[in-house]
């Protein structure tokens, strides 16, 4: 596997060329979303996650396909507007208000991420700050049992991505 250092602009160009679903491995770093009140950890805990995802999947098609496999009539189901941003390619979204690019992927429950948390640069156990974390709610708009789980990464939270046999390291 070859390794290539790229800046965000170069990486964005590579992602915009993706036109079919493919599995990727992403290493990301994000500040953990938490409630602010009386929280000594607020804004100071970083989640470093590495996992395989499906890049460039068509959300509406995937939901319909899963529903049909379960024998459901999907003709009434309609996709809602994406609140993250507008698609500018199969896997890249742009939020005009925030002037921010996002990478859209699909995650699968069977593929567990490798996750580490750090507090002010030092490892920390999740149970110490878990009560301050904001709640994540399941998508209730999909009628089928096997839900499609889209996920959007801010482009600047991606540190590395392995795509089509190349490991891209973002600088």
Protein backbone atom coordinates (compact mmCIF):
# COMPACT_ATOMS: atom_id res chain seq x y z
CA UNK A 1 0.00 0.00 0.00
CA UNK A 2 1.34 3.39 -0.91
CA UNK A 3 1.15 6.39 1.40
CA UNK A 4 0.53 9.92 0.22
CA UNK A 5 0.55 13.18 2.19
CA UNK A 6 -2.17 15.55 0.98
CA UNK A 7 -3.64 18.85 2.05
CA UNK A 8 -7.40 19.32 2.45
CA UNK A 9 -7.85 20.79 -1.05
CA UNK A 10 -6.09 17.84 -2.70
CA UNK A 11 -8.03 15.38 -0.55
CA UNK A 12 -11.32 17.08 -1.44
CA UNK A 13 -10.51 16.68 -5.15
CA UNK A 14 -9.82 12.96 -4.64
CA UNK A 15 -13.10 12.48 -2.76
CA UNK A 16 -15.11 14.42 -5.35
CA UNK A 17 -13.98 11.90 -8.00
CA UNK A 18 -15.48 8.94 -6.10
CA UNK A 19 -18.53 7.80 -8.03
CA UNK A 20 -19.26 4.34 -6.61
CA UNK A 21 -19.49 2.84 -3.15
CA UNK A 22 -16.22 1.59 -1.74
CA UNK A 23 -15.00 0.67 1.71
CA UNK A 24 -12.52 2.99 3.38
CA UNK A 25 -10.70 3.12 6.70
CA UNK A 26 -10.82 6.48 8.46
CA UNK A 27 -8.76 7.76 11.36
CA UNK A 28 -10.50 10.77 12.85
CA UNK A 29 -10.07 13.11 15.79
CA UNK A 30 -13.01 15.06 17.19
CA UNK A 31 -13.73 17.00 20.34
CA UNK A 32 -16.38 15.03 22.24
CA UNK A 33 -19.79 16.76 22.28
CA UNK A 34 -20.83 17.41 25.84
CA UNK A 35 -23.11 19.50 27.98
CA UNK A 36 -21.35 22.61 29.26
CA UNK A 37 -22.90 23.17 32.73
CA UNK A 38 -20.54 22.28 35.62
CA UNK A 39 -18.45 20.14 33.27
CA UNK A 40 -14.69 20.12 33.96
CA UNK A 41 -14.16 18.10 30.74
CA UNK A 42 -16.03 20.45 28.39
CA UNK A 43 -14.06 21.08 25.21
CA UNK A 44 -11.03 19.18 26.52
CA UNK A 45 -11.75 15.54 25.61
CA UNK A 46 -10.68 14.32 22.16
CA UNK A 47 -12.01 11.12 20.62
CA UNK A 48 -9.59 9.35 18.29
CA UNK A 49 -11.41 6.73 16.25
CA UNK A 50 -10.37 4.29 13.53
CA UNK A 51 -12.93 2.27 11.61
CA UNK A 52 -14.04 0.91 8.23
CA UNK A 53 -16.99 2.62 6.53
CA UNK A 54 -18.80 2.53 3.20
CA UNK A 55 -18.00 5.69 1.22
CA UNK A 56 -20.27 7.04 -1.55
CA UNK A 57 -23.35 5.00 -0.78
CA UNK A 58 -26.71 6.32 -1.95
CA UNK A 59 -28.68 6.70 1.30
CA UNK A 60 -32.13 6.60 -0.29
CA UNK A 61 -31.25 3.55 -2.42
CA UNK A 62 -29.72 1.73 0.57
CA UNK A 63 -32.80 2.32 2.76
CA UNK A 64 -35.09 1.17 -0.07
CA UNK A 65 -32.98 -1.92 -0.72
CA UNK A 66 -32.95 -2.90 2.97
CA UNK A 67 -36.71 -2.36 3.19
CA UNK A 68 -37.39 -4.52 0.13
CA UNK A 69 -35.17 -7.30 1.55
CA UNK A 70 -37.43 -7.22 4.62
CA UNK A 71 -40.56 -7.40 2.44
CA UNK A 72 -41.71 -3.83 3.12
CA UNK A 73 -43.51 -1.53 0.70
CA UNK A 74 -41.11 1.40 0.46
CA UNK A 75 -43.15 3.44 -2.06
CA UNK A 76 -44.43 5.83 0.64
CA UNK A 77 -41.05 6.38 2.31
CA UNK A 78 -39.32 9.62 1.36
CA UNK A 79 -35.86 10.81 2.31
CA UNK A 80 -35.79 13.98 4.41
CA UNK A 81 -33.53 16.93 3.70
CA UNK A 82 -29.95 16.39 4.86
CA UNK A 83 -29.33 18.81 7.74
CA UNK A 84 -25.54 18.55 7.50
CA UNK A 85 -25.25 20.11 4.05
CA UNK A 86 -25.86 19.74 0.33
CA UNK A 87 -24.15 17.01 -1.70
CA UNK A 88 -21.54 18.41 -4.08
CA UNK A 89 -20.45 14.88 -5.03
CA UNK A 90 -21.39 11.31 -4.07
CA UNK A 91 -19.61 11.53 -0.71
CA UNK A 92 -18.86 15.22 -0.10
CA UNK A 93 -21.33 17.62 1.48
CA UNK A 94 -20.96 21.37 1.85
CA UNK A 95 -22.65 23.46 4.51
CA UNK A 96 -22.88 27.00 3.17
CA UNK A 97 -23.76 28.60 6.54
CA UNK A 98 -20.71 27.08 8.23
CA UNK A 99 -18.50 27.16 5.10
CA UNK A 100 -17.55 23.58 5.96
CA UNK A 101 -17.07 20.39 3.94
CA UNK A 102 -18.18 17.01 5.26
CA UNK A 103 -17.48 13.46 4.15
CA UNK A 104 -20.52 11.20 4.12
CA UNK A 105 -20.10 7.51 4.95
CA UNK A 106 -22.25 4.63 6.15
CA UNK A 107 -21.37 2.75 9.30
CA UNK A 108 -22.31 -0.80 10.20
CA UNK A 109 -22.97 -2.12 13.71
CA UNK A 110 -20.95 -5.26 12.93
CA UNK A 111 -17.79 -3.21 12.39
CA UNK A 112 -16.64 -1.85 15.73
CA UNK A 113 -14.37 1.21 15.77
CA UNK A 114 -11.12 1.36 17.71
CA UNK A 115 -11.61 4.34 20.02
CA UNK A 116 -9.28 6.19 22.39
CA UNK A 117 -10.08 9.27 24.45
CA UNK A 118 -7.62 11.87 25.69
CA UNK A 119 -8.13 14.67 28.20
CA UNK A 120 -5.65 17.52 27.80
CA UNK A 121 -3.38 15.11 25.88
CA UNK A 122 -3.53 12.25 28.42
CA UNK A 123 -5.52 9.00 28.05
CA UNK A 124 -8.85 8.99 29.92
CA UNK A 125 -11.54 6.35 30.47
CA UNK A 126 -14.90 7.18 28.93
CA UNK A 127 -16.84 6.37 32.11
CA UNK A 128 -15.26 9.41 33.82
CA UNK A 129 -16.99 11.91 31.49
CA UNK A 130 -19.80 9.83 29.96
CA UNK A 131 -22.52 11.46 32.09
CA UNK A 132 -21.66 14.85 30.49
CA UNK A 133 -21.92 13.58 26.89
CA UNK A 134 -24.86 14.68 24.74
CA UNK A 135 -27.32 11.96 23.87
CA UNK A 136 -27.33 10.39 20.42
CA UNK A 137 -30.76 9.49 19.10
CA UNK A 138 -31.57 6.71 16.66
CA UNK A 139 -33.11 7.57 13.29
CA UNK A 140 -36.83 6.83 13.59
CA UNK A 141 -37.81 7.76 10.03
CA UNK A 142 -36.66 4.47 8.47
CA UNK A 143 -39.37 1.77 8.57
CA UNK A 144 -37.12 -1.24 8.07
CA UNK A 145 -35.49 -3.24 10.85
CA UNK A 146 -31.93 -3.05 9.51
CA UNK A 147 -31.31 0.69 9.57
CA UNK A 148 -28.92 2.51 7.26
CA UNK A 149 -26.59 4.51 9.51
CA UNK A 150 -25.14 7.51 7.72
CA UNK A 151 -22.36 9.44 9.37
CA UNK A 152 -20.77 12.72 8.34
CA UNK A 153 -17.23 13.70 9.27
CA UNK A 154 -16.06 17.29 9.11
CA UNK A 155 -13.28 17.20 6.55
CA UNK A 156 -10.81 18.68 9.04
CA UNK A 157 -11.51 15.91 11.60
CA UNK A 158 -10.14 13.26 9.21
CA UNK A 159 -6.45 12.65 9.85
CA UNK A 160 -6.01 9.61 7.58
CA UNK A 161 -8.08 7.66 5.08
CA UNK A 162 -7.23 4.49 3.25
CA UNK A 163 -9.00 4.60 -0.11
CA UNK A 164 -8.46 2.43 -3.20
CA UNK A 165 -5.16 1.04 -1.94
CA UNK A 166 -3.67 4.39 -0.91
CA UNK A 167 -3.28 5.67 2.64
CA UNK A 168 -3.86 9.43 2.55
CA UNK A 169 -2.38 11.40 5.44
CA UNK A 170 -3.88 14.86 5.78
CA UNK A 171 -1.52 17.68 6.60
